[in-house]
């Protein structure tokens, strides 16, 4: 007796019972007589999740997760920000999805690549991955979602990194996972008063100062125009009233003539 016969006998069947009789349902009747549900006779055990539709199981996952704070920090290259890393998000969702019978499977990946260079001249490989995910519930029903991830790497890890980012985006966006950070609108800071504008007399003194260059005199003219102080009258070097505009132009002309 061969191995197949022994196996059949151990299962209480004859070898003939295990043979394929070659009978097939005609194609035109396949839709009328669909295959039986593989979960139809399943009875959950004590540790198995409740047999609920996938959308309800996912809702229970969201209710249990509640929030994931931005507990990690990036500090490099003059940039500093807080973020929620891939490992943190997966470690949070993993046990909860398992408890509620949720499977998250990538079923299709489209990736595009390009070579780039960092600001320091290092060559990098960039990958942008579009991943289609199938979210399967405890009863076997499912829905699909699609996310993108982008990553840089100097070796061969760009694709794996991009898919990891796409997974983080999937869990955070489809889970509508808040950070519980303080809302920016929850605080109000009253602005202090702006520094007082320079007085007309201070501009007069700078214009008359022999150390003031011609370039600075031109700049003073722009400042006076922006401050709408061109017409402000001051006492000039001979004790007469003169507008700052006139004073500035006259002094500039005198110094320009003296420089020739």
Protein backbone atom coordinates (compact mmCIF):
# COMPACT_ATOMS: atom_id res chain seq x y z
CA UNK A 1 0.00 0.00 0.00
CA UNK A 2 1.42 3.39 -1.01
CA UNK A 3 1.64 6.60 1.00
CA UNK A 4 -1.53 8.00 -0.58
CA UNK A 5 -3.46 4.84 0.25
CA UNK A 6 -2.19 4.90 3.84
CA UNK A 7 -3.19 8.54 4.20
CA UNK A 8 -6.64 7.87 2.79
CA UNK A 9 -7.12 4.85 5.08
CA UNK A 10 -6.08 6.93 8.11
CA UNK A 11 -8.75 9.47 7.18
CA UNK A 12 -11.41 6.74 6.83
CA UNK A 13 -11.53 6.95 3.04
CA UNK A 14 -10.49 4.70 0.20
CA UNK A 15 -8.01 5.78 -2.40
CA UNK A 16 -10.82 5.92 -4.93
CA UNK A 17 -12.54 8.59 -2.85
CA UNK A 18 -9.56 10.89 -3.26
CA UNK A 19 -9.26 10.49 -7.03
CA UNK A 20 -10.40 13.30 -9.31
CA UNK A 21 -13.27 11.93 -11.40
CA UNK A 22 -12.65 14.59 -14.04
CA UNK A 23 -16.14 16.08 -13.72
CA UNK A 24 -16.33 19.84 -14.03
CA UNK A 25 -19.25 22.27 -13.81
CA UNK A 26 -19.89 23.79 -17.25
CA UNK A 27 -18.73 27.40 -17.49
CA UNK A 28 -22.26 28.71 -18.16
CA UNK A 29 -23.42 27.40 -14.76
CA UNK A 30 -20.49 28.64 -12.67
CA UNK A 31 -22.21 31.92 -11.72
CA UNK A 32 -25.49 30.13 -10.96
CA UNK A 33 -23.81 27.71 -8.61
CA UNK A 34 -21.06 29.70 -6.83
CA UNK A 35 -18.48 27.93 -4.70
CA UNK A 36 -19.46 27.45 -1.09
CA UNK A 37 -18.27 29.98 1.48
CA UNK A 38 -15.07 28.57 3.04
CA UNK A 39 -16.02 30.29 6.32
CA UNK A 40 -19.57 28.94 6.36
CA UNK A 41 -18.89 26.10 8.79
CA UNK A 42 -16.33 27.98 10.85
CA UNK A 43 -16.99 28.25 14.56
CA UNK A 44 -14.78 30.75 16.40
CA UNK A 45 -12.90 29.55 19.44
CA UNK A 46 -12.44 31.30 22.73
CA UNK A 47 -9.48 33.34 21.46
CA UNK A 48 -10.89 34.16 18.02
CA UNK A 49 -12.41 37.53 17.10
CA UNK A 50 -16.12 38.09 16.82
CA UNK A 51 -17.43 37.29 13.34
CA UNK A 52 -18.53 40.78 12.27
CA UNK A 53 -18.31 42.53 8.89
CA UNK A 54 -14.99 44.11 8.02
CA UNK A 55 -16.24 47.70 8.29
CA UNK A 56 -17.45 47.06 11.83
CA UNK A 57 -14.22 45.30 12.81
CA UNK A 58 -12.22 48.24 11.45
CA UNK A 59 -14.39 50.67 13.40
CA UNK A 60 -13.59 48.73 16.57
CA UNK A 61 -9.89 48.99 15.77
CA UNK A 62 -10.22 52.77 15.43
CA UNK A 63 -12.13 53.04 18.70
CA UNK A 64 -9.39 51.14 20.50
CA UNK A 65 -6.44 53.00 18.95
CA UNK A 66 -7.87 56.47 19.67
CA UNK A 67 -4.62 58.44 19.14
CA UNK A 68 -0.89 58.17 18.44
CA UNK A 69 1.20 61.11 19.61
CA UNK A 70 4.13 62.57 17.69
CA UNK A 71 6.66 61.21 20.15
CA UNK A 72 9.73 61.04 17.90
CA UNK A 73 11.95 63.92 16.81
CA UNK A 74 14.14 64.58 13.81
CA UNK A 75 16.97 67.01 14.38
CA UNK A 76 19.46 67.33 11.57
CA UNK A 77 20.61 69.62 8.81
CA UNK A 78 19.19 72.63 10.57
CA UNK A 79 15.70 71.11 10.56
CA UNK A 80 13.80 69.93 13.62
CA UNK A 81 10.31 68.44 13.77
CA UNK A 82 8.24 65.83 15.60
CA UNK A 83 6.73 62.84 13.81
CA UNK A 84 5.06 59.43 14.18
CA UNK A 85 7.44 56.77 12.85
CA UNK A 86 6.51 53.63 10.93
CA UNK A 87 7.50 51.29 13.78
CA UNK A 88 5.46 53.26 16.32
CA UNK A 89 2.35 53.17 14.13
CA UNK A 90 2.69 49.47 13.24
CA UNK A 91 3.43 48.50 16.85
CA UNK A 92 0.24 50.31 17.90
CA UNK A 93 -2.04 48.91 15.18
CA UNK A 94 -0.58 45.39 15.03
CA UNK A 95 -1.95 43.89 18.27
CA UNK A 96 -5.31 45.66 17.90
CA UNK A 97 -5.93 44.49 14.32
CA UNK A 98 -4.98 40.97 15.41
CA UNK A 99 -7.46 41.10 18.27
CA UNK A 100 -10.29 42.14 15.95
CA UNK A 101 -9.41 39.73 13.12
CA UNK A 102 -8.20 42.36 10.65
CA UNK A 103 -5.58 41.49 8.03
CA UNK A 104 -3.82 44.25 6.08
CA UNK A 105 -2.25 42.88 2.88
CA UNK A 106 -0.46 44.67 0.01
CA UNK A 107 -1.92 43.29 -3.21
CA UNK A 108 -0.33 45.55 -5.82
CA UNK A 109 2.69 47.87 -5.90
CA UNK A 110 3.60 50.37 -8.59
CA UNK A 111 6.99 52.05 -8.14
CA UNK A 112 8.83 54.79 -10.00
CA UNK A 113 12.48 55.72 -9.51
CA UNK A 114 14.92 58.51 -10.12
CA UNK A 115 18.48 59.31 -9.10
CA UNK A 116 19.07 62.51 -7.20
CA UNK A 117 21.76 64.29 -5.19
CA UNK A 118 21.62 65.73 -1.68
CA UNK A 119 22.70 69.27 -0.80
CA UNK A 120 26.04 67.78 0.30
CA UNK A 121 26.59 66.09 -3.07
CA UNK A 122 25.76 62.53 -2.00
CA UNK A 123 24.10 60.40 -4.69
CA UNK A 124 20.73 58.95 -3.67
CA UNK A 125 18.12 56.64 -5.17
CA UNK A 126 14.54 57.90 -4.84
CA UNK A 127 11.47 55.67 -4.97
CA UNK A 128 7.81 56.64 -5.07
CA UNK A 129 5.59 53.61 -4.42
CA UNK A 130 1.83 53.44 -4.95
CA UNK A 131 0.51 50.50 -2.91
CA UNK A 132 -2.96 48.95 -3.13
CA UNK A 133 -3.99 47.40 0.17
CA UNK A 134 -6.69 44.83 0.93
CA UNK A 135 -8.25 45.11 4.38
CA UNK A 136 -9.76 41.70 5.23
CA UNK A 137 -12.17 41.26 8.13
CA UNK A 138 -12.78 38.22 10.38
CA UNK A 139 -15.57 36.94 8.10
CA UNK A 140 -13.39 37.10 4.98
CA UNK A 141 -15.05 40.17 3.45
CA UNK A 142 -12.75 43.02 2.48
CA UNK A 143 -12.27 46.48 1.03
CA UNK A 144 -9.32 48.03 -0.80
CA UNK A 145 -7.42 51.26 -0.27
CA UNK A 146 -4.48 52.90 -1.98
CA UNK A 147 -1.67 55.04 -0.55
CA UNK A 148 1.68 56.39 -1.68
CA UNK A 149 5.07 56.53 -0.01
CA UNK A 150 8.28 58.26 -0.98
CA UNK A 151 11.80 57.52 0.24
CA UNK A 152 15.47 58.12 -0.48
CA UNK A 153 18.32 55.67 0.04
CA UNK A 154 21.97 55.51 -0.94
CA UNK A 155 21.85 51.73 -1.53
CA UNK A 156 19.02 49.28 -2.25
CA UNK A 157 16.46 50.10 0.45
CA UNK A 158 14.47 52.91 -1.22
CA UNK A 159 11.62 50.62 -2.33
CA UNK A 160 11.23 48.98 1.08
CA UNK A 161 11.30 52.38 2.80
CA UNK A 162 8.71 53.82 0.41
CA UNK A 163 6.35 50.90 1.04
CA UNK A 164 6.81 51.31 4.79
CA UNK A 165 5.86 54.97 4.51
CA UNK A 166 2.81 53.97 2.43
CA UNK A 167 1.79 51.57 5.22
CA UNK A 168 2.11 54.30 7.83
CA UNK A 169 -0.01 56.62 5.67
CA UNK A 170 -2.63 53.88 5.26
CA UNK A 171 -2.99 53.22 8.98
CA UNK A 172 -3.00 56.89 10.00
CA UNK A 173 -5.35 58.14 7.28
CA UNK A 174 -7.79 55.23 7.11
CA UNK A 175 -7.76 55.09 10.91
CA UNK A 176 -8.25 58.88 11.14
CA UNK A 177 -5.70 58.66 13.93
CA UNK A 178 -5.30 61.98 15.79
CA UNK A 179 -2.15 63.13 17.57
CA UNK A 180 -3.90 64.75 20.55
CA UNK A 181 -1.53 67.68 20.05
CA UNK A 182 -2.76 71.05 21.21
CA UNK A 183 -4.81 72.78 18.55
CA UNK A 184 -3.00 75.85 17.14
CA UNK A 185 -6.19 77.89 17.57
CA UNK A 186 -6.38 77.00 21.28
CA UNK A 187 -3.78 79.63 22.20
CA UNK A 188 -3.68 83.35 21.57
CA UNK A 189 -0.59 85.52 21.78
CA UNK A 190 -1.11 89.25 21.81
CA UNK A 191 1.39 91.08 19.64
CA UNK A 192 3.48 93.75 21.26
CA UNK A 193 3.66 97.26 19.84
CA UNK A 194 6.06 97.71 16.96
CA UNK A 195 9.29 99.59 17.49
CA UNK A 196 8.71 103.32 17.08
CA UNK A 197 9.72 104.82 13.75
CA UNK A 198 12.79 107.02 13.64
CA UNK A 199 12.24 110.70 14.18
CA UNK A 200 12.73 113.27 11.43
CA UNK A 201 15.54 114.88 13.45
CA UNK A 202 17.46 111.58 13.65
CA UNK A 203 17.32 111.27 9.86
CA UNK A 204 18.46 114.90 9.54
CA UNK A 205 21.47 114.22 11.75
CA UNK A 206 22.43 111.14 9.72
CA UNK A 207 22.09 113.01 6.43
CA UNK A 208 24.31 115.85 7.65
CA UNK A 209 26.90 113.49 9.14
CA UNK A 210 29.99 113.65 6.88
CA UNK A 211 30.62 109.94 7.51
CA UNK A 212 27.32 108.98 5.82
CA UNK A 213 28.13 107.52 2.39
CA UNK A 214 26.31 108.33 -0.83
CA UNK A 215 24.93 104.80 -0.89
CA UNK A 216 23.47 105.28 2.56
CA UNK A 217 21.97 108.60 1.49
CA UNK A 218 20.15 106.81 -1.32
CA UNK A 219 18.93 104.19 1.12
CA UNK A 220 17.65 106.90 3.46
CA UNK A 221 15.66 108.29 0.55
CA UNK A 222 13.93 104.87 0.07
CA UNK A 223 13.22 104.64 3.81
CA UNK A 224 11.71 108.12 3.93
CA UNK A 225 9.51 107.29 0.94
CA UNK A 226 8.21 104.10 2.59
CA UNK A 227 7.60 105.96 5.86
CA UNK A 228 5.96 108.87 4.02
CA UNK A 229 8.36 111.30 5.68
CA UNK A 230 9.71 113.00 2.57
CA UNK A 231 7.78 116.17 3.39
CA UNK A 232 8.75 116.28 7.07
CA UNK A 233 10.43 119.62 7.87
CA UNK A 234 13.59 119.90 9.95
CA UNK A 235 16.07 122.63 10.85
CA UNK A 236 19.02 122.28 8.49
CA UNK A 237 22.69 123.05 9.11
CA UNK A 238 22.19 126.82 8.63
CA UNK A 239 19.18 127.03 10.93
CA UNK A 240 16.51 127.13 8.20
CA UNK A 241 13.43 124.92 7.76
CA UNK A 242 13.88 122.35 5.01
CA UNK A 243 12.13 119.10 4.09
CA UNK A 244 14.05 115.86 4.53
CA UNK A 245 13.59 115.15 0.81
CA UNK A 246 15.17 118.46 -0.16
CA UNK A 247 17.91 118.14 2.42
CA UNK A 248 18.82 114.64 1.32
CA UNK A 249 18.92 115.52 -2.36
CA UNK A 250 21.02 118.63 -1.72
CA UNK A 251 23.57 116.89 0.47
CA UNK A 252 23.80 113.97 -1.95
CA UNK A 253 24.43 116.40 -4.85
CA UNK A 254 27.07 118.33 -2.89
CA UNK A 255 28.98 115.14 -2.00
CA UNK A 256 28.66 113.76 -5.50
CA UNK A 257 30.10 117.02 -6.88
CA UNK A 258 32.91 117.03 -4.33
CA UNK A 259 33.88 113.51 -5.24
CA UNK A 260 34.56 114.43 -8.90
